[in-house]
Amino acid sequence: MAKNEEQDNSRQLLHLVLGGELTDIQGVEFANLEEVDIVGVYPNYARAYDAWKGAAQRSVDNAHMRYFIVHMHRLLDPEEEPGEA
């Protein structure tokens, strides 16, 4: 197990996985906010990554569909050093 995975498993670092169809594949603006897919909130990056990968693979046929991992713990604790997560 990698060091970052060990840290993620010992401390709750919330991550949000969401996605939807974008207006432009070069940007991050959703075409319809009412149709944004909230996959879930996960206690560490490893679990969020697994959820992101599954959602992204299910939508591979739509070039405008993108899924993202949002590091919620960084929003909740902006004083945290970037290397800590």
PDB file of N, CA and C in Angstrom:
ATOM      1  N   MET A   1       0.851  -1.182   0.000  1.00  0.00           N
ATOM      2  CA  MET A   1       0.000   0.000   0.000  1.00  0.00           C
ATOM      3  C   MET A   1       0.892   1.239   0.000  1.00  0.00           C
ATOM      4  N   ALA A   2       0.569   2.210  -0.835  1.00  0.00           N
ATOM      5  CA  ALA A   2       1.354   3.433  -0.948  1.00  0.00           C
ATOM      6  C   ALA A   2       1.140   4.314   0.274  1.00  0.00           C
ATOM      7  N   LYS A   3       2.109   5.190   0.528  1.00  0.00           N
ATOM      8  CA  LYS A   3       2.044   6.067   1.696  1.00  0.00           C
ATOM      9  C   LYS A   3       0.790   6.938   1.679  1.00  0.00           C
ATOM     10  N   ASN A   4       0.435   7.517   0.521  1.00  0.00           N
ATOM     11  CA  ASN A   4      -0.755   8.360   0.437  1.00  0.00           C
ATOM     12  C   ASN A   4      -2.016   7.571   0.748  1.00  0.00           C
ATOM     13  N   GLU A   5      -2.081   6.315   0.312  1.00  0.00           N
ATOM     14  CA  GLU A   5      -3.243   5.482   0.602  1.00  0.00           C
ATOM     15  C   GLU A   5      -3.338   5.199   2.093  1.00  0.00           C
ATOM     16  N   GLU A   6      -2.203   4.990   2.748  1.00  0.00           N
ATOM     17  CA  GLU A   6      -2.194   4.759   4.189  1.00  0.00           C
ATOM     18  C   GLU A   6      -2.717   5.985   4.913  1.00  0.00           C
ATOM     19  N   GLN A   7      -2.267   7.180   4.498  1.00  0.00           N
ATOM     20  CA  GLN A   7      -2.726   8.413   5.111  1.00  0.00           C
ATOM     21  C   GLN A   7      -4.224   8.578   4.890  1.00  0.00           C
ATOM     22  N   ASP A   8      -4.698   8.297   3.666  1.00  0.00           N
ATOM     23  CA  ASP A   8      -6.111   8.448   3.356  1.00  0.00           C
ATOM     24  C   ASP A   8      -6.960   7.520   4.207  1.00  0.00           C
ATOM     25  N   ASN A   9      -6.464   6.317   4.501  1.00  0.00           N
ATOM     26  CA  ASN A   9      -7.233   5.361   5.277  1.00  0.00           C
ATOM     27  C   ASN A   9      -7.242   5.698   6.765  1.00  0.00           C
ATOM     28  N   SER A  10      -6.263   6.450   7.243  1.00  0.00           N
ATOM     29  CA  SER A  10      -6.191   6.751   8.662  1.00  0.00           C
ATOM     30  C   SER A  10      -6.907   8.054   9.018  1.00  0.00           C
ATOM     31  N   ARG A  11      -7.196   8.880   8.055  1.00  0.00           N
ATOM     32  CA  ARG A  11      -7.807  10.185   8.310  1.00  0.00           C
ATOM     33  C   ARG A  11      -8.902  10.424   7.277  1.00  0.00           C
ATOM     34  N   GLN A  12     -10.032  10.925   7.708  1.00  0.00           N
ATOM     35  CA  GLN A  12     -11.132  11.175   6.782  1.00  0.00           C
ATOM     36  C   GLN A  12     -10.847  12.438   5.977  1.00  0.00           C
ATOM     37  N   LEU A  13     -10.665  12.254   4.689  1.00  0.00           N
ATOM     38  CA  LEU A  13     -10.447  13.362   3.758  1.00  0.00           C
ATOM     39  C   LEU A  13     -11.550  13.278   2.707  1.00  0.00           C
ATOM     40  N   LEU A  14     -12.608  14.048   2.903  1.00  0.00           N
ATOM     41  CA  LEU A  14     -13.787  13.935   2.053  1.00  0.00           C
ATOM     42  C   LEU A  14     -13.527  14.342   0.611  1.00  0.00           C
ATOM     43  N   HIS A  15     -14.043  13.520  -0.305  1.00  0.00           N
ATOM     44  CA  HIS A  15     -13.954  13.771  -1.742  1.00  0.00           C
ATOM     45  C   HIS A  15     -15.331  13.576  -2.357  1.00  0.00           C
ATOM     46  N   LEU A  16     -15.712  14.486  -3.240  1.00  0.00           N
ATOM     47  CA  LEU A  16     -16.986  14.435  -3.948  1.00  0.00           C
ATOM     48  C   LEU A  16     -16.722  14.035  -5.393  1.00  0.00           C
ATOM     49  N   VAL A  17     -17.489  13.083  -5.898  1.00  0.00           N
ATOM     50  CA  VAL A  17     -17.388  12.677  -7.298  1.00  0.00           C
ATOM     51  C   VAL A  17     -18.679  13.105  -7.983  1.00  0.00           C
ATOM     52  N   LEU A  18     -18.538  13.891  -9.047  1.00  0.00           N
ATOM     53  CA  LEU A  18     -19.686  14.349  -9.798  1.00  0.00           C
ATOM     54  C   LEU A  18     -19.329  14.488 -11.265  1.00  0.00           C
ATOM     55  N   GLY A  19     -20.349  14.537 -12.089  1.00  0.00           N
ATOM     56  CA  GLY A  19     -20.095  14.677 -13.513  1.00  0.00           C
ATOM     57  C   GLY A  19     -21.347  15.041 -14.262  1.00  0.00           C
ATOM     58  N   GLY A  20     -21.152  15.283 -15.536  1.00  0.00           N
ATOM     59  CA  GLY A  20     -22.262  15.631 -16.402  1.00  0.00           C
ATOM     60  C   GLY A  20     -21.763  16.029 -17.771  1.00  0.00           C
ATOM     61  N   GLU A  21     -22.706  16.362 -18.610  1.00  0.00           N
ATOM     62  CA  GLU A  21     -22.362  16.759 -19.969  1.00  0.00           C
ATOM     63  C   GLU A  21     -21.891  18.210 -19.965  1.00  0.00           C
ATOM     64  N   LEU A  22     -20.772  18.469 -20.618  1.00  0.00           N
ATOM     65  CA  LEU A  22     -20.196  19.806 -20.668  1.00  0.00           C
ATOM     66  C   LEU A  22     -20.639  20.555 -21.918  1.00  0.00           C
ATOM     67  N   THR A  23     -20.654  21.888 -21.836  1.00  0.00           N
ATOM     68  CA  THR A  23     -20.995  22.700 -23.002  1.00  0.00           C
ATOM     69  C   THR A  23     -19.881  22.666 -24.032  1.00  0.00           C
ATOM     70  N   ASP A  24     -18.640  22.498 -23.565  1.00  0.00           N
ATOM     71  CA  ASP A  24     -17.460  22.481 -24.435  1.00  0.00           C
ATOM     72  C   ASP A  24     -16.467  21.504 -23.814  1.00  0.00           C
ATOM     73  N   ILE A  25     -15.932  20.598 -24.600  1.00  0.00           N
ATOM     74  CA  ILE A  25     -15.029  19.588 -24.044  1.00  0.00           C
ATOM     75  C   ILE A  25     -13.716  20.181 -23.520  1.00  0.00           C
ATOM     76  N   GLN A  26     -13.430  21.424 -23.870  1.00  0.00           N
ATOM     77  CA  GLN A  26     -12.215  22.080 -23.370  1.00  0.00           C
ATOM     78  C   GLN A  26     -12.450  22.790 -22.038  1.00  0.00           C
ATOM     79  N   GLY A  27     -13.713  22.914 -21.616  1.00  0.00           N
ATOM     80  CA  GLY A  27     -14.023  23.658 -20.399  1.00  0.00           C
ATOM     81  C   GLY A  27     -14.567  22.781 -19.291  1.00  0.00           C
ATOM     82  N   VAL A  28     -15.125  23.439 -18.279  1.00  0.00           N
ATOM     83  CA  VAL A  28     -15.704  22.726 -17.145  1.00  0.00           C
ATOM     84  C   VAL A  28     -17.094  23.263 -16.813  1.00  0.00           C
ATOM     85  N   GLU A  29     -17.790  23.799 -17.809  1.00  0.00           N
ATOM     86  CA  GLU A  29     -19.146  24.302 -17.601  1.00  0.00           C
ATOM     87  C   GLU A  29     -20.140  23.228 -18.017  1.00  0.00           C
ATOM     88  N   PHE A  30     -21.047  22.895 -17.091  1.00  0.00           N
ATOM     89  CA  PHE A  30     -22.037  21.860 -17.373  1.00  0.00           C
ATOM     90  C   PHE A  30     -23.144  22.411 -18.263  1.00  0.00           C
ATOM     91  N   ALA A  31     -23.613  21.596 -19.199  1.00  0.00           N
ATOM     92  CA  ALA A  31     -24.671  21.983 -20.122  1.00  0.00           C
ATOM     93  C   ALA A  31     -25.997  22.165 -19.383  1.00  0.00           C
ATOM     94  N   ASN A  32     -26.267  21.327 -18.386  1.00  0.00           N
ATOM     95  CA  ASN A  32     -27.524  21.399 -17.652  1.00  0.00           C
ATOM     96  C   ASN A  32     -27.269  21.007 -16.194  1.00  0.00           C
ATOM     97  N   LEU A  33     -27.289  21.987 -15.312  1.00  0.00           N
ATOM     98  CA  LEU A  33     -27.007  21.719 -13.896  1.00  0.00           C
ATOM     99  C   LEU A  33     -28.018  20.774 -13.261  1.00  0.00           C
ATOM    100  N   GLU A  34     -29.234  20.747 -13.779  1.00  0.00           N
ATOM    101  CA  GLU A  34     -30.249  19.852 -13.226  1.00  0.00           C
ATOM    102  C   GLU A  34     -29.949  18.381 -13.521  1.00  0.00           C
ATOM    103  N   GLU A  35     -29.074  18.138 -14.484  1.00  0.00           N
ATOM    104  CA  GLU A  35     -28.735  16.766 -14.852  1.00  0.00           C
ATOM    105  C   GLU A  35     -27.345  16.343 -14.378  1.00  0.00           C
ATOM    106  N   VAL A  36     -26.707  17.153 -13.524  1.00  0.00           N
ATOM    107  CA  VAL A  36     -25.397  16.783 -12.993  1.00  0.00           C
ATOM    108  C   VAL A  36     -25.564  15.525 -12.139  1.00  0.00           C
ATOM    109  N   ASP A  37     -24.698  14.573 -12.386  1.00  0.00           N
ATOM    110  CA  ASP A  37     -24.726  13.282 -11.682  1.00  0.00           C
ATOM    111  C   ASP A  37     -23.828  13.373 -10.450  1.00  0.00           C
ATOM    112  N   ILE A  38     -24.448  13.388  -9.261  1.00  0.00           N
ATOM    113  CA  ILE A  38     -23.688  13.359  -8.013  1.00  0.00           C
ATOM    114  C   ILE A  38     -23.478  11.881  -7.686  1.00  0.00           C
ATOM    115  N   VAL A  39     -22.274  11.404  -7.930  1.00  0.00           N
ATOM    116  CA  VAL A  39     -21.973   9.987  -7.709  1.00  0.00           C
ATOM    117  C   VAL A  39     -21.930   9.702  -6.220  1.00  0.00           C
ATOM    118  N   GLY A  40     -21.277  10.574  -5.447  1.00  0.00           N
ATOM    119  CA  GLY A  40     -21.229  10.374  -4.012  1.00  0.00           C
ATOM    120  C   GLY A  40     -20.086  11.111  -3.339  1.00  0.00           C
ATOM    121  N   VAL A  41     -20.067  11.007  -2.018  1.00  0.00           N
ATOM    122  CA  VAL A  41     -19.012  11.575  -1.178  1.00  0.00           C
ATOM    123  C   VAL A  41     -18.267  10.401  -0.557  1.00  0.00           C
ATOM    124  N   TYR A  42     -16.937  10.465  -0.601  1.00  0.00           N
ATOM    125  CA  TYR A  42     -16.101   9.343  -0.172  1.00  0.00           C
ATOM    126  C   TYR A  42     -15.092   9.801   0.868  1.00  0.00           C
ATOM    127  N   PRO A  43     -14.692   8.900   1.769  1.00  0.00           N
ATOM    128  CA  PRO A  43     -13.833   9.274   2.892  1.00  0.00           C
ATOM    129  C   PRO A  43     -12.352   9.399   2.550  1.00  0.00           C
ATOM    130  N   ASN A  44     -11.967   9.015   1.347  1.00  0.00           N
ATOM    131  CA  ASN A  44     -10.558   9.133   0.950  1.00  0.00           C
ATOM    132  C   ASN A  44     -10.445   9.138  -0.571  1.00  0.00           C
ATOM    133  N   TYR A  45      -9.280   9.524  -1.051  1.00  0.00           N
ATOM    134  CA  TYR A  45      -9.084   9.653  -2.491  1.00  0.00           C
ATOM    135  C   TYR A  45      -9.178   8.312  -3.208  1.00  0.00           C
ATOM    136  N   ALA A  46      -8.680   7.268  -2.613  1.00  0.00           N
ATOM    137  CA  ALA A  46      -8.688   5.953  -3.262  1.00  0.00           C
ATOM    138  C   ALA A  46     -10.119   5.501  -3.572  1.00  0.00           C
ATOM    139  N   ARG A  47     -11.018   5.654  -2.616  1.00  0.00           N
ATOM    140  CA  ARG A  47     -12.416   5.251  -2.851  1.00  0.00           C
ATOM    141  C   ARG A  47     -13.085   6.177  -3.853  1.00  0.00           C
ATOM    142  N   ALA A  48     -12.768   7.475  -3.796  1.00  0.00           N
ATOM    143  CA  ALA A  48     -13.323   8.427  -4.763  1.00  0.00           C
ATOM    144  C   ALA A  48     -12.824   8.108  -6.168  1.00  0.00           C
ATOM    145  N   TYR A  49     -11.562   7.759  -6.282  1.00  0.00           N
ATOM    146  CA  TYR A  49     -10.993   7.416  -7.591  1.00  0.00           C
ATOM    147  C   TYR A  49     -11.703   6.205  -8.194  1.00  0.00           C
ATOM    148  N   ASP A  50     -11.949   5.197  -7.383  1.00  0.00           N
ATOM    149  CA  ASP A  50     -12.656   4.008  -7.876  1.00  0.00           C
ATOM    150  C   ASP A  50     -14.050   4.373  -8.385  1.00  0.00           C
ATOM    151  N   ALA A  51     -14.758   5.235  -7.650  1.00  0.00           N
ATOM    152  CA  ALA A  51     -16.098   5.661  -8.063  1.00  0.00           C
ATOM    153  C   ALA A  51     -16.018   6.501  -9.336  1.00  0.00           C
ATOM    154  N   TRP A  52     -15.042   7.401  -9.400  1.00  0.00           N
ATOM    155  CA  TRP A  52     -14.847   8.231 -10.587  1.00  0.00           C
ATOM    156  C   TRP A  52     -14.573   7.363 -11.813  1.00  0.00           C
ATOM    157  N   LYS A  53     -13.690   6.408 -11.655  1.00  0.00           N
ATOM    158  CA  LYS A  53     -13.314   5.542 -12.779  1.00  0.00           C
ATOM    159  C   LYS A  53     -14.527   4.773 -13.296  1.00  0.00           C
ATOM    160  N   GLY A  54     -15.333   4.231 -12.398  1.00  0.00           N
ATOM    161  CA  GLY A  54     -16.523   3.498 -12.805  1.00  0.00           C
ATOM    162  C   GLY A  54     -17.509   4.380 -13.551  1.00  0.00           C
ATOM    163  N   ALA A  55     -17.753   5.581 -13.028  1.00  0.00           N
ATOM    164  CA  ALA A  55     -18.689   6.504 -13.673  1.00  0.00           C
ATOM    165  C   ALA A  55     -18.161   6.951 -15.029  1.00  0.00           C
ATOM    166  N   ALA A  56     -16.882   7.246 -15.096  1.00  0.00           N
ATOM    167  CA  ALA A  56     -16.288   7.687 -16.360  1.00  0.00           C
ATOM    168  C   ALA A  56     -16.339   6.581 -17.412  1.00  0.00           C
ATOM    169  N   GLN A  57     -16.103   5.365 -17.005  1.00  0.00           N
ATOM    170  CA  GLN A  57     -16.148   4.245 -17.955  1.00  0.00           C
ATOM    171  C   GLN A  57     -17.562   4.000 -18.468  1.00  0.00           C
ATOM    172  N   ARG A  58     -18.568   4.225 -17.640  1.00  0.00           N
ATOM    173  CA  ARG A  58     -19.958   4.040 -18.074  1.00  0.00           C
ATOM    174  C   ARG A  58     -20.381   5.080 -19.109  1.00  0.00           C
ATOM    175  N   SER A  59     -19.699   6.223 -19.141  1.00  0.00           N
ATOM    176  CA  SER A  59     -20.074   7.302 -20.053  1.00  0.00           C
ATOM    177  C   SER A  59     -19.062   7.501 -21.181  1.00  0.00           C
ATOM    178  N   VAL A  60     -18.240   6.516 -21.435  1.00  0.00           N
ATOM    179  CA  VAL A  60     -17.148   6.656 -22.398  1.00  0.00           C
ATOM    180  C   VAL A  60     -17.637   6.959 -23.823  1.00  0.00           C
ATOM    181  N   ASP A  61     -18.850   6.596 -24.153  1.00  0.00           N
ATOM    182  CA  ASP A  61     -19.359   6.836 -25.510  1.00  0.00           C
ATOM    183  C   ASP A  61     -19.777   8.286 -25.756  1.00  0.00           C
ATOM    184  N   ASN A  62     -19.882   9.097 -24.716  1.00  0.00           N
ATOM    185  CA  ASN A  62     -20.287  10.497 -24.858  1.00  0.00           C
ATOM    186  C   ASN A  62     -19.071  11.385 -24.608  1.00  0.00           C
ATOM    187  N   ALA A  63     -18.529  11.964 -25.668  1.00  0.00           N
ATOM    188  CA  ALA A  63     -17.312  12.777 -25.561  1.00  0.00           C
ATOM    189  C   ALA A  63     -17.501  14.024 -24.699  1.00  0.00           C
ATOM    190  N   HIS A  64     -18.725  14.502 -24.553  1.00  0.00           N
ATOM    191  CA  HIS A  64     -18.978  15.703 -23.756  1.00  0.00           C
ATOM    192  C   HIS A  64     -19.199  15.404 -22.270  1.00  0.00           C
ATOM    193  N   MET A  65     -19.264  14.146 -21.923  1.00  0.00           N
ATOM    194  CA  MET A  65     -19.512  13.760 -20.532  1.00  0.00           C
ATOM    195  C   MET A  65     -18.178  13.673 -19.791  1.00  0.00           C
ATOM    196  N   ARG A  66     -18.111  14.343 -18.642  1.00  0.00           N
ATOM    197  CA  ARG A  66     -16.902  14.311 -17.822  1.00  0.00           C
ATOM    198  C   ARG A  66     -17.287  14.141 -16.359  1.00  0.00           C
ATOM    199  N   TYR A  67     -16.427  13.422 -15.635  1.00  0.00           N
ATOM    200  CA  TYR A  67     -16.572  13.257 -14.192  1.00  0.00           C
ATOM    201  C   TYR A  67     -15.353  13.850 -13.512  1.00  0.00           C
ATOM    202  N   PHE A  68     -15.574  14.381 -12.322  1.00  0.00           N
ATOM    203  CA  PHE A  68     -14.528  15.075 -11.575  1.00  0.00           C
ATOM    204  C   PHE A  68     -14.489  14.577 -10.133  1.00  0.00           C
ATOM    205  N   ILE A  69     -13.305  14.691  -9.523  1.00  0.00           N
ATOM    206  CA  ILE A  69     -13.134  14.451  -8.092  1.00  0.00           C
ATOM    207  C   ILE A  69     -12.843  15.808  -7.459  1.00  0.00           C
ATOM    208  N   VAL A  70     -13.699  16.206  -6.536  1.00  0.00           N
ATOM    209  CA  VAL A  70     -13.529  17.474  -5.829  1.00  0.00           C
ATOM    210  C   VAL A  70     -12.986  17.164  -4.439  1.00  0.00           C
ATOM    211  N   HIS A  71     -11.887  17.774  -4.094  1.00  0.00           N
ATOM    212  CA  HIS A  71     -11.261  17.572  -2.780  1.00  0.00           C
ATOM    213  C   HIS A  71     -11.987  18.445  -1.754  1.00  0.00           C
ATOM    214  N   MET A  72     -13.083  17.929  -1.240  1.00  0.00           N
ATOM    215  CA  MET A  72     -13.903  18.703  -0.308  1.00  0.00           C
ATOM    216  C   MET A  72     -13.149  19.074   0.960  1.00  0.00           C
ATOM    217  N   HIS A  73     -12.261  18.213   1.407  1.00  0.00           N
ATOM    218  CA  HIS A  73     -11.508  18.491   2.635  1.00  0.00           C
ATOM    219  C   HIS A  73     -10.675  19.754   2.490  1.00  0.00           C
ATOM    220  N   ARG A  74     -10.257  20.079   1.280  1.00  0.00           N
ATOM    221  CA  ARG A  74      -9.486  21.308   1.055  1.00  0.00           C
ATOM    222  C   ARG A  74     -10.386  22.539   1.133  1.00  0.00           C
ATOM    223  N   LEU A  75     -11.652  22.379   0.753  1.00  0.00           N
ATOM    224  CA  LEU A  75     -12.602  23.481   0.863  1.00  0.00           C
ATOM    225  C   LEU A  75     -13.013  23.702   2.314  1.00  0.00           C
ATOM    226  N   LEU A  76     -13.131  22.604   3.058  1.00  0.00           N
ATOM    227  CA  LEU A  76     -13.550  22.684   4.459  1.00  0.00           C
ATOM    228  C   LEU A  76     -12.429  23.179   5.360  1.00  0.00           C
ATOM    229  N   ASP A  77     -11.178  22.917   4.983  1.00  0.00           N
ATOM    230  CA  ASP A  77     -10.022  23.328   5.775  1.00  0.00           C
ATOM    231  C   ASP A  77      -8.980  23.954   4.858  1.00  0.00           C
ATOM    232  N   PRO A  78      -9.205  25.197   4.424  1.00  0.00           N
ATOM    233  CA  PRO A  78      -8.293  25.829   3.457  1.00  0.00           C
ATOM    234  C   PRO A  78      -6.892  26.093   4.000  1.00  0.00           C
ATOM    235  N   GLU A  79      -6.711  26.016   5.306  1.00  0.00           N
ATOM    236  CA  GLU A  79      -5.402  26.236   5.916  1.00  0.00           C
ATOM    237  C   GLU A  79      -4.492  25.017   5.796  1.00  0.00           C
ATOM    238  N   GLU A  80      -5.073  23.885   5.419  1.00  0.00           N
ATOM    239  CA  GLU A  80      -4.311  22.648   5.297  1.00  0.00           C
ATOM    240  C   GLU A  80      -3.276  22.779   4.188  1.00  0.00           C
ATOM    241  N   GLU A  81      -2.091  22.303   4.436  1.00  0.00           N
ATOM    242  CA  GLU A  81      -1.031  22.332   3.445  1.00  0.00           C
ATOM    243  C   GLU A  81      -1.357  21.379   2.316  1.00  0.00           C
ATOM    244  N   PRO A  82      -1.112  21.736   1.036  1.00  0.00           N
ATOM    245  CA  PRO A  82      -1.413  20.867  -0.097  1.00  0.00           C
ATOM    246  C   PRO A  82      -0.755  19.500  -0.004  1.00  0.00           C
ATOM    247  N   GLY A  83       0.438  19.383   0.539  1.00  0.00           N
ATOM    248  CA  GLY A  83       1.132  18.118   0.665  1.00  0.00           C
ATOM    249  C   GLY A  83       0.512  17.167   1.693  1.00  0.00           C
ATOM    250  N   GLU A  84      -0.356  17.683   2.543  1.00  0.00           N
ATOM    251  CA  GLU A  84      -0.968  16.860   3.592  1.00  0.00           C
ATOM    252  C   GLU A  84      -2.064  15.968   3.064  1.00  0.00           C
ATOM    253  N   ALA A  85      -2.585  16.263   1.885  1.00  0.00           N
ATOM    254  CA  ALA A  85      -3.690  15.469   1.345  1.00  0.00           C
ATOM    255  C   ALA A  85      -3.198  14.699   0.178  1.00  0.00           C
TER     256      ALA A  85
END
